[in-house]
């Protein structure tokens, strides 16, 4: 089955878009939400992590 993925930036368009796509025979809408683990893995891949060599270094960075 061919799959088409749309990335919509303006969330206000979603209700209208879902209505239009729902009216097309043979088209189905599948919501794909990522789990927290998948989001965490994406953060690792994108390098959005901070590492500290000690808890003191962490506390210093947090201003504690």
C-alpha atoms as a PDB file:
ATOM      1  CA  UNK A   1       0.000   0.000   0.000  1.00  0.00           C
ATOM      2  CA  UNK A   2       1.500   3.390  -0.946  1.00  0.00           C
ATOM      3  CA  UNK A   3       1.900   5.834   1.923  1.00  0.00           C
ATOM      4  CA  UNK A   4       1.909   9.622   1.844  1.00  0.00           C
ATOM      5  CA  UNK A   5       3.210  11.537   4.853  1.00  0.00           C
ATOM      6  CA  UNK A   6       2.256  15.182   5.354  1.00  0.00           C
ATOM      7  CA  UNK A   7       3.949  17.542   7.780  1.00  0.00           C
ATOM      8  CA  UNK A   8       1.546  20.318   8.731  1.00  0.00           C
ATOM      9  CA  UNK A   9       2.958  23.325  10.563  1.00  0.00           C
ATOM     10  CA  UNK A  10      -0.312  25.216  11.030  1.00  0.00           C
ATOM     11  CA  UNK A  11      -2.373  23.039  13.388  1.00  0.00           C
ATOM     12  CA  UNK A  12      -5.512  25.073  12.702  1.00  0.00           C
ATOM     13  CA  UNK A  13      -5.648  23.443   9.250  1.00  0.00           C
ATOM     14  CA  UNK A  14      -5.933  19.909  10.644  1.00  0.00           C
ATOM     15  CA  UNK A  15      -9.724  19.679  11.096  1.00  0.00           C
ATOM     16  CA  UNK A  16     -10.402  20.828   7.520  1.00  0.00           C
ATOM     17  CA  UNK A  17      -7.650  18.666   6.102  1.00  0.00           C
ATOM     18  CA  UNK A  18      -8.923  15.598   7.971  1.00  0.00           C
ATOM     19  CA  UNK A  19     -12.447  16.220   6.671  1.00  0.00           C
ATOM     20  CA  UNK A  20     -11.184  16.505   3.084  1.00  0.00           C
ATOM     21  CA  UNK A  21      -8.986  13.419   3.287  1.00  0.00           C
ATOM     22  CA  UNK A  22     -11.714  11.462   5.060  1.00  0.00           C
ATOM     23  CA  UNK A  23     -14.056  12.117   2.127  1.00  0.00           C
ATOM     24  CA  UNK A  24     -11.643  10.464  -0.312  1.00  0.00           C
ATOM     25  CA  UNK A  25     -12.576   6.831  -0.875  1.00  0.00           C
ATOM     26  CA  UNK A  26      -9.767   4.451   0.041  1.00  0.00           C
ATOM     27  CA  UNK A  27      -7.807   7.052   2.032  1.00  0.00           C
ATOM     28  CA  UNK A  28      -7.263   6.543   5.740  1.00  0.00           C
ATOM     29  CA  UNK A  29      -5.755   8.828   8.334  1.00  0.00           C
ATOM     30  CA  UNK A  30      -3.230   7.281  10.704  1.00  0.00           C
ATOM     31  CA  UNK A  31      -2.008   9.256  13.701  1.00  0.00           C
ATOM     32  CA  UNK A  32       1.594   8.461  14.506  1.00  0.00           C
ATOM     33  CA  UNK A  33       2.668   9.785  17.863  1.00  0.00           C
ATOM     34  CA  UNK A  34       6.149   9.055  19.124  1.00  0.00           C
ATOM     35  CA  UNK A  35       6.635   7.447  22.501  1.00  0.00           C
ATOM     36  CA  UNK A  36       8.787   9.171  25.097  1.00  0.00           C
ATOM     37  CA  UNK A  37      11.543   6.628  24.393  1.00  0.00           C
ATOM     38  CA  UNK A  38      11.475   7.442  20.670  1.00  0.00           C
ATOM     39  CA  UNK A  39      11.645  11.155  21.457  1.00  0.00           C
ATOM     40  CA  UNK A  40      14.614  10.529  23.768  1.00  0.00           C
ATOM     41  CA  UNK A  41      16.408   8.557  21.045  1.00  0.00           C
ATOM     42  CA  UNK A  42      15.793  11.421  18.624  1.00  0.00           C
ATOM     43  CA  UNK A  43      17.374  13.797  21.161  1.00  0.00           C
ATOM     44  CA  UNK A  44      20.449  11.559  21.373  1.00  0.00           C
ATOM     45  CA  UNK A  45      20.776  11.391  17.584  1.00  0.00           C
ATOM     46  CA  UNK A  46      20.403  15.168  17.282  1.00  0.00           C
ATOM     47  CA  UNK A  47      22.955  15.813  20.029  1.00  0.00           C
ATOM     48  CA  UNK A  48      20.512  17.575  22.358  1.00  0.00           C
ATOM     49  CA  UNK A  49      22.156  16.217  25.511  1.00  0.00           C
ATOM     50  CA  UNK A  50      24.258  17.662  28.276  1.00  0.00           C
ATOM     51  CA  UNK A  51      26.840  15.582  30.081  1.00  0.00           C
ATOM     52  CA  UNK A  52      28.617  16.316  33.315  1.00  0.00           C
ATOM     53  CA  UNK A  53      31.684  14.667  34.778  1.00  0.00           C
ATOM     54  CA  UNK A  54      30.405  15.064  38.330  1.00  0.00           C
ATOM     55  CA  UNK A  55      27.353  16.124  40.302  1.00  0.00           C
ATOM     56  CA  UNK A  56      29.262  19.200  41.479  1.00  0.00           C
ATOM     57  CA  UNK A  57      29.684  20.299  37.864  1.00  0.00           C
ATOM     58  CA  UNK A  58      25.943  19.821  37.313  1.00  0.00           C
ATOM     59  CA  UNK A  59      25.057  21.806  40.433  1.00  0.00           C
ATOM     60  CA  UNK A  60      27.439  24.582  39.419  1.00  0.00           C
ATOM     61  CA  UNK A  61      25.799  24.773  35.973  1.00  0.00           C
ATOM     62  CA  UNK A  62      22.350  24.900  37.625  1.00  0.00           C
ATOM     63  CA  UNK A  63      23.504  27.630  40.001  1.00  0.00           C
ATOM     64  CA  UNK A  64      22.914  25.536  43.101  1.00  0.00           C
END
